Amino acid sequence: RALKQRNAALKAGGDGIEPWNAEFVDLGLRVDQARRAVLEICV
């Protein structure tokens, strides 16, 4: 959802993008950490 909203803000010229940047980073790191954790288990 954050990615979709950030992309919409980019298409609108960047207006209102800051809140989505923060959410994108926070949630993106959670997704990344989960992937790294499961790959470490699986490798």
Full PDB file with SEQRES, HELIX, SHEET, SSBOND, CRYST1, ORIGX, SCALE, CONECT and MASTER records, all heavy atoms in Angstrom:
SEQRES   1 A   43  ARG ALA LEU LYS GLN ARG ASN ALA ALA LEU LYS ALA GLY          
SEQRES   2 A   43  GLY ASP GLY ILE GLU PRO TRP ASN ALA GLU PHE VAL ASP          
SEQRES   3 A   43  LEU GLY LEU ARG VAL ASP GLN ALA ARG ARG ALA VAL LEU          
SEQRES   4 A   43  GLU ILE CYS VAL                                              
HELIX    1 AA1 ALA A    2  LYS A   11  1                                  10    
HELIX    2 AA2 GLU A   18  CYS A   42  1                                  25    
CRYST1    1.000    1.000    1.000  90.00  90.00  90.00 P 1           1          
ORIGX1      1.000000  0.000000  0.000000        0.00000                         
ORIGX2      0.000000  1.000000  0.000000        0.00000                         
ORIGX3      0.000000  0.000000  1.000000        0.00000                         
SCALE1      1.000000  0.000000  0.000000        0.00000                         
SCALE2      0.000000  1.000000  0.000000        0.00000                         
SCALE3      0.000000  0.000000  1.000000        0.00000                         
ATOM      1  N   ARG A   1       0.838  -1.209   0.000  1.00  0.00           N  
ATOM      2  CA  ARG A   1       0.000   0.000   0.000  1.00  0.00           C  
ATOM      3  C   ARG A   1       0.867   1.251   0.000  1.00  0.00           C  
ATOM      4  O   ARG A   1       0.596   2.207  -0.750  1.00  0.00           O  
ATOM      5  CB  ARG A   1      -0.909  -0.004   1.229  1.00  0.00           C  
ATOM      6  CG  ARG A   1      -1.772   1.240   1.381  1.00  0.00           C  
ATOM      7  CD  ARG A   1      -2.722   1.101   2.558  1.00  0.00           C  
ATOM      8  NE  ARG A   1      -3.483   2.328   2.786  1.00  0.00           N  
ATOM      9  CZ  ARG A   1      -3.101   3.313   3.591  1.00  0.00           C  
ATOM     10  NH1 ARG A   1      -1.944   3.194   4.260  1.00  0.00           N  
ATOM     11  NH2 ARG A   1      -3.838   4.384   3.740  1.00  0.00           N  
ATOM     12  N   ALA A   2       1.917   1.277   0.815  1.00  0.00           N  
ATOM     13  CA  ALA A   2       2.810   2.441   0.857  1.00  0.00           C  
ATOM     14  C   ALA A   2       3.491   2.651  -0.489  1.00  0.00           C  
ATOM     15  O   ALA A   2       3.647   3.787  -0.951  1.00  0.00           O  
ATOM     16  CB  ALA A   2       3.853   2.263   1.965  1.00  0.00           C  
ATOM     17  N   LEU A   3       3.902   1.562  -1.132  1.00  0.00           N  
ATOM     18  CA  LEU A   3       4.529   1.658  -2.446  1.00  0.00           C  
ATOM     19  C   LEU A   3       3.555   2.243  -3.463  1.00  0.00           C  
ATOM     20  O   LEU A   3       3.918   3.131  -4.255  1.00  0.00           O  
ATOM     21  CB  LEU A   3       4.995   0.269  -2.894  1.00  0.00           C  
ATOM     22  CG  LEU A   3       5.531   0.153  -4.321  1.00  0.00           C  
ATOM     23  CD1 LEU A   3       6.783   1.010  -4.509  1.00  0.00           C  
ATOM     24  CD2 LEU A   3       5.830  -1.312  -4.659  1.00  0.00           C  
ATOM     25  N   LYS A   4       2.328   1.775  -3.440  1.00  0.00           N  
ATOM     26  CA  LYS A   4       1.316   2.279  -4.374  1.00  0.00           C  
ATOM     27  C   LYS A   4       1.072   3.770  -4.161  1.00  0.00           C  
ATOM     28  O   LYS A   4       0.996   4.554  -5.131  1.00  0.00           O  
ATOM     29  CB  LYS A   4       0.013   1.497  -4.185  1.00  0.00           C  
ATOM     30  CG  LYS A   4      -1.097   1.909  -5.136  1.00  0.00           C  
ATOM     31  CD  LYS A   4      -2.337   1.048  -4.906  1.00  0.00           C  
ATOM     32  CE  LYS A   4      -3.468   1.474  -5.847  1.00  0.00           C  
ATOM     33  NZ  LYS A   4      -4.683   0.633  -5.636  1.00  0.00           N  
ATOM     34  N   GLN A   5       0.962   4.183  -2.900  1.00  0.00           N  
ATOM     35  CA  GLN A   5       0.716   5.598  -2.601  1.00  0.00           C  
ATOM     36  C   GLN A   5       1.920   6.460  -2.966  1.00  0.00           C  
ATOM     37  O   GLN A   5       1.766   7.577  -3.467  1.00  0.00           O  
ATOM     38  CB  GLN A   5       0.368   5.757  -1.116  1.00  0.00           C  
ATOM     39  CG  GLN A   5      -0.939   5.098  -0.709  1.00  0.00           C  
ATOM     40  CD  GLN A   5      -2.151   5.740  -1.355  1.00  0.00           C  
ATOM     41  OE1 GLN A   5      -2.110   6.889  -1.776  1.00  0.00           O  
ATOM     42  NE2 GLN A   5      -3.238   4.992  -1.455  1.00  0.00           N  
ATOM     43  N   ARG A   6       3.134   5.950  -2.712  1.00  0.00           N  
ATOM     44  CA  ARG A   6       4.326   6.720  -3.073  1.00  0.00           C  
ATOM     45  C   ARG A   6       4.412   6.889  -4.586  1.00  0.00           C  
ATOM     46  O   ARG A   6       4.752   7.964  -5.079  1.00  0.00           O  
ATOM     47  CB  ARG A   6       5.597   6.048  -2.541  1.00  0.00           C  
ATOM     48  CG  ARG A   6       6.849   6.896  -2.751  1.00  0.00           C  
ATOM     49  CD  ARG A   6       8.099   6.260  -2.158  1.00  0.00           C  
ATOM     50  NE  ARG A   6       9.182   7.232  -2.131  1.00  0.00           N  
ATOM     51  CZ  ARG A   6      10.015   7.449  -3.158  1.00  0.00           C  
ATOM     52  NH1 ARG A   6       9.867   6.751  -4.281  1.00  0.00           N  
ATOM     53  NH2 ARG A   6      10.970   8.351  -3.066  1.00  0.00           N  
ATOM     54  N   ASN A   7       4.118   5.829  -5.329  1.00  0.00           N  
ATOM     55  CA  ASN A   7       4.144   5.926  -6.788  1.00  0.00           C  
ATOM     56  C   ASN A   7       3.100   6.918  -7.295  1.00  0.00           C  
ATOM     57  O   ASN A   7       3.346   7.657  -8.252  1.00  0.00           O  
ATOM     58  CB  ASN A   7       3.920   4.554  -7.415  1.00  0.00           C  
ATOM     59  CG  ASN A   7       5.127   3.655  -7.293  1.00  0.00           C  
ATOM     60  OD1 ASN A   7       6.235   4.112  -7.011  1.00  0.00           O  
ATOM     61  ND2 ASN A   7       4.938   2.358  -7.490  1.00  0.00           N  
ATOM     62  N   ALA A   8       1.926   6.940  -6.648  1.00  0.00           N  
ATOM     63  CA  ALA A   8       0.898   7.909  -7.034  1.00  0.00           C  
ATOM     64  C   ALA A   8       1.385   9.340  -6.787  1.00  0.00           C  
ATOM     65  O   ALA A   8       1.147  10.240  -7.602  1.00  0.00           O  
ATOM     66  CB  ALA A   8      -0.389   7.637  -6.257  1.00  0.00           C  
ATOM     67  N   ALA A   9       2.085   9.537  -5.666  1.00  0.00           N  
ATOM     68  CA  ALA A   9       2.630  10.869  -5.368  1.00  0.00           C  
ATOM     69  C   ALA A   9       3.694  11.268  -6.384  1.00  0.00           C  
ATOM     70  O   ALA A   9       3.775  12.433  -6.793  1.00  0.00           O  
ATOM     71  CB  ALA A   9       3.203  10.886  -3.956  1.00  0.00           C  
ATOM     72  N   LEU A  10       4.517  10.309  -6.809  1.00  0.00           N  
ATOM     73  CA  LEU A  10       5.532  10.598  -7.832  1.00  0.00           C  
ATOM     74  C   LEU A  10       4.883  11.015  -9.141  1.00  0.00           C  
ATOM     75  O   LEU A  10       5.341  11.960  -9.802  1.00  0.00           O  
ATOM     76  CB  LEU A  10       6.415   9.365  -8.050  1.00  0.00           C  
ATOM     77  CG  LEU A  10       7.388   9.017  -6.932  1.00  0.00           C  
ATOM     78  CD1 LEU A  10       7.976   7.626  -7.150  1.00  0.00           C  
ATOM     79  CD2 LEU A  10       8.513  10.058  -6.827  1.00  0.00           C  
ATOM     80  N   LYS A  11       3.831  10.330  -9.513  1.00  0.00           N  
ATOM     81  CA  LYS A  11       3.132  10.680 -10.760  1.00  0.00           C  
ATOM     82  C   LYS A  11       2.475  12.055 -10.670  1.00  0.00           C  
ATOM     83  O   LYS A  11       2.251  12.717 -11.696  1.00  0.00           O  
ATOM     84  CB  LYS A  11       2.078   9.611 -11.084  1.00  0.00           C  
ATOM     85  CG  LYS A  11       2.669   8.281 -11.516  1.00  0.00           C  
ATOM     86  CD  LYS A  11       1.572   7.282 -11.840  1.00  0.00           C  
ATOM     87  CE  LYS A  11       2.128   5.989 -12.415  1.00  0.00           C  
ATOM     88  NZ  LYS A  11       2.940   5.231 -11.452  1.00  0.00           N  
ATOM     89  N   ALA A  12       2.182  12.481  -9.428  1.00  0.00           N  
ATOM     90  CA  ALA A  12       1.581  13.803  -9.214  1.00  0.00           C  
ATOM     91  C   ALA A  12       2.636  14.888  -9.022  1.00  0.00           C  
ATOM     92  O   ALA A  12       2.306  16.001  -8.593  1.00  0.00           O  
ATOM     93  CB  ALA A  12       0.652  13.755  -8.008  1.00  0.00           C  
ATOM     94  N   GLY A  13       3.901  14.559  -9.292  1.00  0.00           N  
ATOM     95  CA  GLY A  13       4.968  15.541  -9.196  1.00  0.00           C  
ATOM     96  C   GLY A  13       5.667  15.574  -7.858  1.00  0.00           C  
ATOM     97  O   GLY A  13       6.459  16.488  -7.591  1.00  0.00           O  
ATOM     98  N   GLY A  14       5.366  14.627  -6.992  1.00  0.00           N  
ATOM     99  CA  GLY A  14       6.047  14.543  -5.706  1.00  0.00           C  
ATOM    100  C   GLY A  14       5.302  15.171  -4.553  1.00  0.00           C  
ATOM    101  O   GLY A  14       5.771  15.108  -3.406  1.00  0.00           O  
ATOM    102  N   ASP A  15       4.135  15.775  -4.816  1.00  0.00           N  
ATOM    103  CA  ASP A  15       3.369  16.410  -3.734  1.00  0.00           C  
ATOM    104  C   ASP A  15       2.903  15.367  -2.718  1.00  0.00           C  
ATOM    105  O   ASP A  15       2.359  14.319  -3.082  1.00  0.00           O  
ATOM    106  CB  ASP A  15       2.140  17.131  -4.312  1.00  0.00           C  
ATOM    107  CG  ASP A  15       2.533  18.352  -5.141  1.00  0.00           C  
ATOM    108  OD1 ASP A  15       3.662  18.835  -4.959  1.00  0.00           O  
ATOM    109  OD2 ASP A  15       1.714  18.791  -5.963  1.00  0.00           O  
ATOM    110  N   GLY A  16       3.120  15.677  -1.438  1.00  0.00           N  
ATOM    111  CA  GLY A  16       2.644  14.808  -0.366  1.00  0.00           C  
ATOM    112  C   GLY A  16       3.390  13.497  -0.237  1.00  0.00           C  
ATOM    113  O   GLY A  16       2.861  12.534   0.334  1.00  0.00           O  
ATOM    114  N   ILE A  17       4.639  13.458  -0.707  1.00  0.00           N  
ATOM    115  CA  ILE A  17       5.358  12.185  -0.716  1.00  0.00           C  
ATOM    116  C   ILE A  17       6.041  11.861   0.611  1.00  0.00           C  
ATOM    117  O   ILE A  17       6.293  10.682   0.903  1.00  0.00           O  
ATOM    118  CB  ILE A  17       6.396  12.173  -1.862  1.00  0.00           C  
ATOM    119  CG1 ILE A  17       6.752  10.727  -2.233  1.00  0.00           C  
ATOM    120  CG2 ILE A  17       7.657  12.959  -1.496  1.00  0.00           C  
ATOM    121  CD1 ILE A  17       7.585  10.617  -3.487  1.00  0.00           C  
ATOM    122  N   GLU A  18       6.341  12.865   1.432  1.00  0.00           N  
ATOM    123  CA  GLU A  18       7.142  12.637   2.630  1.00  0.00           C  
ATOM    124  C   GLU A  18       6.556  11.601   3.591  1.00  0.00           C  
ATOM    125  O   GLU A  18       7.289  10.714   4.065  1.00  0.00           O  
ATOM    126  CB  GLU A  18       7.393  13.967   3.349  1.00  0.00           C  
ATOM    127  CG  GLU A  18       8.416  14.862   2.662  1.00  0.00           C  
ATOM    128  CD  GLU A  18       9.765  14.169   2.480  1.00  0.00           C  
ATOM    129  OE1 GLU A  18      10.167  13.414   3.390  1.00  0.00           O  
ATOM    130  OE2 GLU A  18      10.405  14.379   1.451  1.00  0.00           O  
ATOM    131  N   PRO A  19       5.274  11.682   3.927  1.00  0.00           N  
ATOM    132  CA  PRO A  19       4.745  10.651   4.846  1.00  0.00           C  
ATOM    133  C   PRO A  19       4.879   9.238   4.288  1.00  0.00           C  
ATOM    134  O   PRO A  19       5.127   8.289   5.037  1.00  0.00           O  
ATOM    135  CB  PRO A  19       3.274  11.048   5.018  1.00  0.00           C  
ATOM    136  CG  PRO A  19       3.215  12.490   4.642  1.00  0.00           C  
ATOM    137  CD  PRO A  19       4.248  12.676   3.592  1.00  0.00           C  
ATOM    138  N   TRP A  20       4.740   9.117   2.967  1.00  0.00           N  
ATOM    139  CA  TRP A  20       4.849   7.787   2.354  1.00  0.00           C  
ATOM    140  C   TRP A  20       6.295   7.317   2.306  1.00  0.00           C  
ATOM    141  O   TRP A  20       6.557   6.111   2.359  1.00  0.00           O  
ATOM    142  CB  TRP A  20       4.225   7.794   0.969  1.00  0.00           C  
ATOM    143  CG  TRP A  20       2.749   8.048   1.021  1.00  0.00           C  
ATOM    144  CD1 TRP A  20       2.071   9.128   0.542  1.00  0.00           C  
ATOM    145  CD2 TRP A  20       1.773   7.217   1.659  1.00  0.00           C  
ATOM    146  NE1 TRP A  20       0.737   9.023   0.828  1.00  0.00           N  
ATOM    147  CE2 TRP A  20       0.523   7.853   1.500  1.00  0.00           C  
ATOM    148  CE3 TRP A  20       1.832   6.009   2.342  1.00  0.00           C  
ATOM    149  CZ2 TRP A  20      -0.656   7.316   2.004  1.00  0.00           C  
ATOM    150  CZ3 TRP A  20       0.661   5.461   2.848  1.00  0.00           C  
ATOM    151  CH2 TRP A  20      -0.565   6.107   2.679  1.00  0.00           C  
ATOM    152  N   ASN A  21       7.236   8.263   2.237  1.00  0.00           N  
ATOM    153  CA  ASN A  21       8.650   7.875   2.306  1.00  0.00           C  
ATOM    154  C   ASN A  21       8.950   7.181   3.634  1.00  0.00           C  
ATOM    155  O   ASN A  21       9.594   6.131   3.675  1.00  0.00           O  
ATOM    156  CB  ASN A  21       9.558   9.110   2.175  1.00  0.00           C  
ATOM    157  CG  ASN A  21       9.654   9.608   0.749  1.00  0.00           C  
ATOM    158  OD1 ASN A  21       9.296   8.893  -0.184  1.00  0.00           O  
ATOM    159  ND2 ASN A  21      10.129  10.828   0.582  1.00  0.00           N  
ATOM    160  N   ALA A  22       8.488   7.783   4.718  1.00  0.00           N  
ATOM    161  CA  ALA A  22       8.765   7.226   6.049  1.00  0.00           C  
ATOM    162  C   ALA A  22       8.118   5.856   6.208  1.00  0.00           C  
ATOM    163  O   ALA A  22       8.743   4.915   6.728  1.00  0.00           O  
ATOM    164  CB  ALA A  22       8.245   8.189   7.124  1.00  0.00           C  
ATOM    165  N   GLU A  23       6.868   5.714   5.753  1.00  0.00           N  
ATOM    166  CA  GLU A  23       6.188   4.425   5.886  1.00  0.00           C  
ATOM    167  C   GLU A  23       6.827   3.385   4.975  1.00  0.00           C  
ATOM    168  O   GLU A  23       6.971   2.214   5.348  1.00  0.00           O  
ATOM    169  CB  GLU A  23       4.697   4.579   5.565  1.00  0.00           C  
ATOM    170  CG  GLU A  23       3.907   3.328   5.884  1.00  0.00           C  
ATOM    171  CD  GLU A  23       2.435   3.605   6.101  1.00  0.00           C  
ATOM    172  OE1 GLU A  23       2.049   4.789   6.181  1.00  0.00           O  
ATOM    173  OE2 GLU A  23       1.670   2.629   6.210  1.00  0.00           O  
ATOM    174  N   PHE A  24       7.214   3.816   3.771  1.00  0.00           N  
ATOM    175  CA  PHE A  24       7.871   2.918   2.824  1.00  0.00           C  
ATOM    176  C   PHE A  24       9.149   2.345   3.436  1.00  0.00           C  
ATOM    177  O   PHE A  24       9.398   1.136   3.350  1.00  0.00           O  
ATOM    178  CB  PHE A  24       8.194   3.678   1.539  1.00  0.00           C  
ATOM    179  CG  PHE A  24       8.912   2.866   0.497  1.00  0.00           C  
ATOM    180  CD1 PHE A  24       8.220   2.205  -0.501  1.00  0.00           C  
ATOM    181  CD2 PHE A  24      10.307   2.768   0.497  1.00  0.00           C  
ATOM    182  CE1 PHE A  24       8.884   1.459  -1.466  1.00  0.00           C  
ATOM    183  CE2 PHE A  24      10.978   2.017  -0.453  1.00  0.00           C  
ATOM    184  CZ  PHE A  24      10.255   1.364  -1.438  1.00  0.00           C  
ATOM    185  N   VAL A  25       9.963   3.181   4.065  1.00  0.00           N  
ATOM    186  CA  VAL A  25      11.226   2.728   4.652  1.00  0.00           C  
ATOM    187  C   VAL A  25      10.965   1.790   5.825  1.00  0.00           C  
ATOM    188  O   VAL A  25      11.577   0.718   5.928  1.00  0.00           O  
ATOM    189  CB  VAL A  25      12.088   3.929   5.085  1.00  0.00           C  
ATOM    190  CG1 VAL A  25      13.290   3.461   5.914  1.00  0.00           C  
ATOM    191  CG2 VAL A  25      12.563   4.703   3.854  1.00  0.00           C  
ATOM    192  N   ASP A  26      10.070   2.170   6.704  1.00  0.00           N  
ATOM    193  CA  ASP A  26       9.791   1.345   7.887  1.00  0.00           C  
ATOM    194  C   ASP A  26       9.290  -0.040   7.481  1.00  0.00           C  
ATOM    195  O   ASP A  26       9.825  -1.072   7.930  1.00  0.00           O  
ATOM    196  CB  ASP A  26       8.751   2.046   8.760  1.00  0.00           C  
ATOM    197  CG  ASP A  26       8.337   1.190   9.950  1.00  0.00           C  
ATOM    198  OD1 ASP A  26       9.232   0.706  10.666  1.00  0.00           O  
ATOM    199  OD2 ASP A  26       7.124   0.999  10.155  1.00  0.00           O  
ATOM    200  N   LEU A  27       8.296  -0.084   6.626  1.00  0.00           N  
ATOM    201  CA  LEU A  27       7.717  -1.366   6.227  1.00  0.00           C  
ATOM    202  C   LEU A  27       8.638  -2.134   5.290  1.00  0.00           C  
ATOM    203  O   LEU A  27       8.696  -3.367   5.334  1.00  0.00           O  
ATOM    204  CB  LEU A  27       6.358  -1.128   5.573  1.00  0.00           C  
ATOM    205  CG  LEU A  27       5.297  -0.548   6.508  1.00  0.00           C  
ATOM    206  CD1 LEU A  27       4.085  -0.067   5.725  1.00  0.00           C  
ATOM    207  CD2 LEU A  27       4.883  -1.571   7.551  1.00  0.00           C  
ATOM    208  N   GLY A  28       9.362  -1.394   4.451  1.00  0.00           N  
ATOM    209  CA  GLY A  28      10.305  -2.045   3.550  1.00  0.00           C  
ATOM    210  C   GLY A  28      11.382  -2.795   4.307  1.00  0.00           C  
ATOM    211  O   GLY A  28      11.777  -3.906   3.920  1.00  0.00           O  
ATOM    212  N   LEU A  29      11.859  -2.217   5.397  1.00  0.00           N  
ATOM    213  CA  LEU A  29      12.875  -2.891   6.209  1.00  0.00           C  
ATOM    214  C   LEU A  29      12.301  -4.128   6.896  1.00  0.00           C  
ATOM    215  O   LEU A  29      12.990  -5.139   7.045  1.00  0.00           O  
ATOM    216  CB  LEU A  29      13.442  -1.918   7.243  1.00  0.00           C  
ATOM    217  CG  LEU A  29      14.348  -0.816   6.679  1.00  0.00           C  
ATOM    218  CD1 LEU A  29      14.746   0.168   7.771  1.00  0.00           C  
ATOM    219  CD2 LEU A  29      15.591  -1.406   6.023  1.00  0.00           C  
ATOM    220  N   ARG A  30      11.053  -4.073   7.301  1.00  0.00           N  
ATOM    221  CA  ARG A  30      10.428  -5.247   7.910  1.00  0.00           C  
ATOM    222  C   ARG A  30      10.332  -6.394   6.900  1.00  0.00           C  
ATOM    223  O   ARG A  30      10.608  -7.558   7.233  1.00  0.00           O  
ATOM    224  CB  ARG A  30       9.044  -4.897   8.439  1.00  0.00           C  
ATOM    225  CG  ARG A  30       9.033  -3.880   9.565  1.00  0.00           C  
ATOM    226  CD  ARG A  30       7.628  -3.718  10.129  1.00  0.00           C  
ATOM    227  NE  ARG A  30       7.498  -2.521  10.941  1.00  0.00           N  
ATOM    228  CZ  ARG A  30       6.407  -2.180  11.613  1.00  0.00           C  
ATOM    229  NH1 ARG A  30       5.341  -2.980  11.541  1.00  0.00           N  
ATOM    230  NH2 ARG A  30       6.371  -1.079  12.326  1.00  0.00           N  
ATOM    231  N   VAL A  31       9.893  -6.074   5.695  1.00  0.00           N  
ATOM    232  CA  VAL A  31       9.797  -7.093   4.646  1.00  0.00           C  
ATOM    233  C   VAL A  31      11.181  -7.658   4.346  1.00  0.00           C  
ATOM    234  O   VAL A  31      11.368  -8.878   4.246  1.00  0.00           O  
ATOM    235  CB  VAL A  31       9.155  -6.501   3.370  1.00  0.00           C  
ATOM    236  CG1 VAL A  31       9.289  -7.462   2.194  1.00  0.00           C  
ATOM    237  CG2 VAL A  31       7.686  -6.176   3.620  1.00  0.00           C  
ATOM    238  N   ASP A  32      12.156  -6.778   4.221  1.00  0.00           N  
ATOM    239  CA  ASP A  32      13.519  -7.205   3.914  1.00  0.00           C  
ATOM    240  C   ASP A  32      14.084  -8.102   5.021  1.00  0.00           C  
ATOM    241  O   ASP A  32      14.704  -9.134   4.739  1.00  0.00           O  
ATOM    242  CB  ASP A  32      14.409  -5.973   3.737  1.00  0.00           C  
ATOM    243  CG  ASP A  32      15.851  -6.327   3.427  1.00  0.00           C  
ATOM    244  OD1 ASP A  32      16.118  -6.823   2.326  1.00  0.00           O  
ATOM    245  OD2 ASP A  32      16.709  -6.125   4.317  1.00  0.00           O  
ATOM    246  N   GLN A  33      13.866  -7.733   6.267  1.00  0.00           N  
ATOM    247  CA  GLN A  33      14.378  -8.528   7.384  1.00  0.00           C  
ATOM    248  C   GLN A  33      13.735  -9.906   7.437  1.00  0.00           C  
ATOM    249  O   GLN A  33      14.400 -10.906   7.733  1.00  0.00           O  
ATOM    250  CB  GLN A  33      14.163  -7.771   8.689  1.00  0.00           C  
ATOM    251  CG  GLN A  33      15.084  -6.569   8.850  1.00  0.00           C  
ATOM    252  CD  GLN A  33      14.628  -5.603   9.928  1.00  0.00           C  
ATOM    253  OE1 GLN A  33      13.637  -5.862  10.631  1.00  0.00           O  
ATOM    254  NE2 GLN A  33      15.318  -4.480  10.061  1.00  0.00           N  
ATOM    255  N   ALA A  34      12.434  -9.978   7.129  1.00  0.00           N  
ATOM    256  CA  ALA A  34      11.750 -11.277   7.122  1.00  0.00           C  
ATOM    257  C   ALA A  34      12.303 -12.167   6.010  1.00  0.00           C  
ATOM    258  O   ALA A  34      12.506 -13.371   6.216  1.00  0.00           O  
ATOM    259  CB  ALA A  34      10.249 -11.075   6.941  1.00  0.00           C  
ATOM    260  N   ARG A  35      12.548 -11.583   4.852  1.00  0.00           N  
ATOM    261  CA  ARG A  35      13.112 -12.363   3.746  1.00  0.00           C  
ATOM    262  C   ARG A  35      14.509 -12.857   4.083  1.00  0.00           C  
ATOM    263  O   ARG A  35      14.848 -14.015   3.810  1.00  0.00           O  
ATOM    264  CB  ARG A  35      13.150 -11.508   2.473  1.00  0.00           C  
ATOM    265  CG  ARG A  35      11.789 -11.272   1.836  1.00  0.00           C  
ATOM    266  CD  ARG A  35      11.898 -10.288   0.695  1.00  0.00           C  
ATOM    267  NE  ARG A  35      10.655 -10.137  -0.032  1.00  0.00           N  
ATOM    268  CZ  ARG A  35      10.427  -9.189  -0.943  1.00  0.00           C  
ATOM    269  NH1 ARG A  35      11.390  -8.299  -1.209  1.00  0.00           N  
ATOM    270  NH2 ARG A  35       9.283  -9.125  -1.569  1.00  0.00           N  
ATOM    271  N   ARG A  36      15.316 -11.986   4.652  1.00  0.00           N  
ATOM    272  CA  ARG A  36      16.674 -12.400   5.033  1.00  0.00           C  
ATOM    273  C   ARG A  36      16.626 -13.520   6.070  1.00  0.00           C  
ATOM    274  O   ARG A  36      17.414 -14.474   6.002  1.00  0.00           O  
ATOM    275  CB  ARG A  36      17.447 -11.202   5.602  1.00  0.00           C  
ATOM    276  CG  ARG A  36      17.830 -10.156   4.563  1.00  0.00           C  
ATOM    277  CD  ARG A  36      18.573  -9.005   5.214  1.00  0.00           C  
ATOM    278  NE  ARG A  36      18.881  -7.953   4.258  1.00  0.00           N  
ATOM    279  CZ  ARG A  36      19.957  -7.954   3.462  1.00  0.00           C  
ATOM    280  NH1 ARG A  36      20.823  -8.963   3.543  1.00  0.00           N  
ATOM    281  NH2 ARG A  36      20.159  -6.969   2.616  1.00  0.00           N  
ATOM    282  N   ALA A  37      15.712 -13.412   7.020  1.00  0.00           N  
ATOM    283  CA  ALA A  37      15.620 -14.414   8.079  1.00  0.00           C  
ATOM    284  C   ALA A  37      15.236 -15.774   7.513  1.00  0.00           C  
ATOM    285  O   ALA A  37      15.823 -16.796   7.869  1.00  0.00           O  
ATOM    286  CB  ALA A  37      14.605 -13.965   9.134  1.00  0.00           C  
ATOM    287  N   VAL A  38      14.255 -15.799   6.607  1.00  0.00           N  
ATOM    288  CA  VAL A  38      13.807 -17.090   6.075  1.00  0.00           C  
ATOM    289  C   VAL A  38      14.849 -17.673   5.125  1.00  0.00           C  
ATOM    290  O   VAL A  38      15.038 -18.896   5.072  1.00  0.00           O  
ATOM    291  CB  VAL A  38      12.430 -16.950   5.401  1.00  0.00           C  
ATOM    292  CG1 VAL A  38      12.526 -16.316   4.011  1.00  0.00           C  
ATOM    293  CG2 VAL A  38      11.738 -18.311   5.304  1.00  0.00           C  
ATOM    294  N   LEU A  39      15.570 -16.819   4.404  1.00  0.00           N  
ATOM    295  CA  LEU A  39      16.624 -17.325   3.529  1.00  0.00           C  
ATOM    296  C   LEU A  39      17.779 -17.893   4.347  1.00  0.00           C  
ATOM    297  O   LEU A  39      18.374 -18.915   3.977  1.00  0.00           O  
ATOM    298  CB  LEU A  39      17.115 -16.233   2.586  1.00  0.00           C  
ATOM    299  CG  LEU A  39      18.110 -16.684   1.505  1.00  0.00           C  
ATOM    300  CD1 LEU A  39      17.491 -17.773   0.624  1.00  0.00           C  
ATOM    301  CD2 LEU A  39      18.556 -15.510   0.646  1.00  0.00           C  
ATOM    302  N   GLU A  40      18.071 -17.260   5.475  1.00  0.00           N  
ATOM    303  CA  GLU A  40      19.131 -17.773   6.350  1.00  0.00           C  
ATOM    304  C   GLU A  40      18.761 -19.159   6.881  1.00  0.00           C  
ATOM    305  O   GLU A  40      19.605 -20.053   6.980  1.00  0.00           O  
ATOM    306  CB  GLU A  40      19.374 -16.807   7.503  1.00  0.00           C  
ATOM    307  CG  GLU A  40      20.525 -17.222   8.404  1.00  0.00           C  
ATOM    308  CD  GLU A  40      20.818 -16.215   9.500  1.00  0.00           C  
ATOM    309  OE1 GLU A  40      20.216 -15.128   9.487  1.00  0.00           O  
ATOM    310  OE2 GLU A  40      21.644 -16.524  10.381  1.00  0.00           O  
ATOM    311  N   ILE A  41      17.480 -19.336   7.217  1.00  0.00           N  
ATOM    312  CA  ILE A  41      17.009 -20.643   7.667  1.00  0.00           C  
ATOM    313  C   ILE A  41      17.111 -21.670   6.548  1.00  0.00           C  
ATOM    314  O   ILE A  41      17.460 -22.834   6.765  1.00  0.00           O  
ATOM    315  CB  ILE A  41      15.553 -20.541   8.156  1.00  0.00           C  
ATOM    316  CG1 ILE A  41      15.473 -19.676   9.418  1.00  0.00           C  
ATOM    317  CG2 ILE A  41      14.960 -21.924   8.419  1.00  0.00           C  
ATOM    318  CD1 ILE A  41      14.056 -19.314   9.813  1.00  0.00           C  
ATOM    319  N   CYS A  42      16.833 -21.233   5.331  1.00  0.00           N  
ATOM    320  CA  CYS A  42      16.688 -22.137   4.194  1.00  0.00           C  
ATOM    321  C   CYS A  42      17.995 -22.448   3.470  1.00  0.00           C  
ATOM    322  O   CYS A  42      18.089 -23.450   2.758  1.00  0.00           O  
ATOM    323  CB  CYS A  42      15.694 -21.521   3.202  1.00  0.00           C  
ATOM    324  SG  CYS A  42      15.161 -22.597   1.862  1.00  0.00           S  
ATOM    325  N   VAL A  43      19.005 -21.599   3.634  1.00  0.00           N  
ATOM    326  CA  VAL A  43      20.152 -21.664   2.735  1.00  0.00           C  
ATOM    327  C   VAL A  43      20.899 -22.995   2.804  1.00  0.00           C  
ATOM    328  O   VAL A  43      21.363 -23.504   1.771  1.00  0.00           O  
ATOM    329  CB  VAL A  43      21.105 -20.468   2.981  1.00  0.00           C  
ATOM    330  CG1 VAL A  43      21.831 -20.596   4.319  1.00  0.00           C  
ATOM    331  CG2 VAL A  43      22.085 -20.320   1.829  1.00  0.00           C  
TER     332      VAL A  43                                                      
MASTER        0    0    0    2    0    0    0    6  331    1    0    4          
END                                                                             
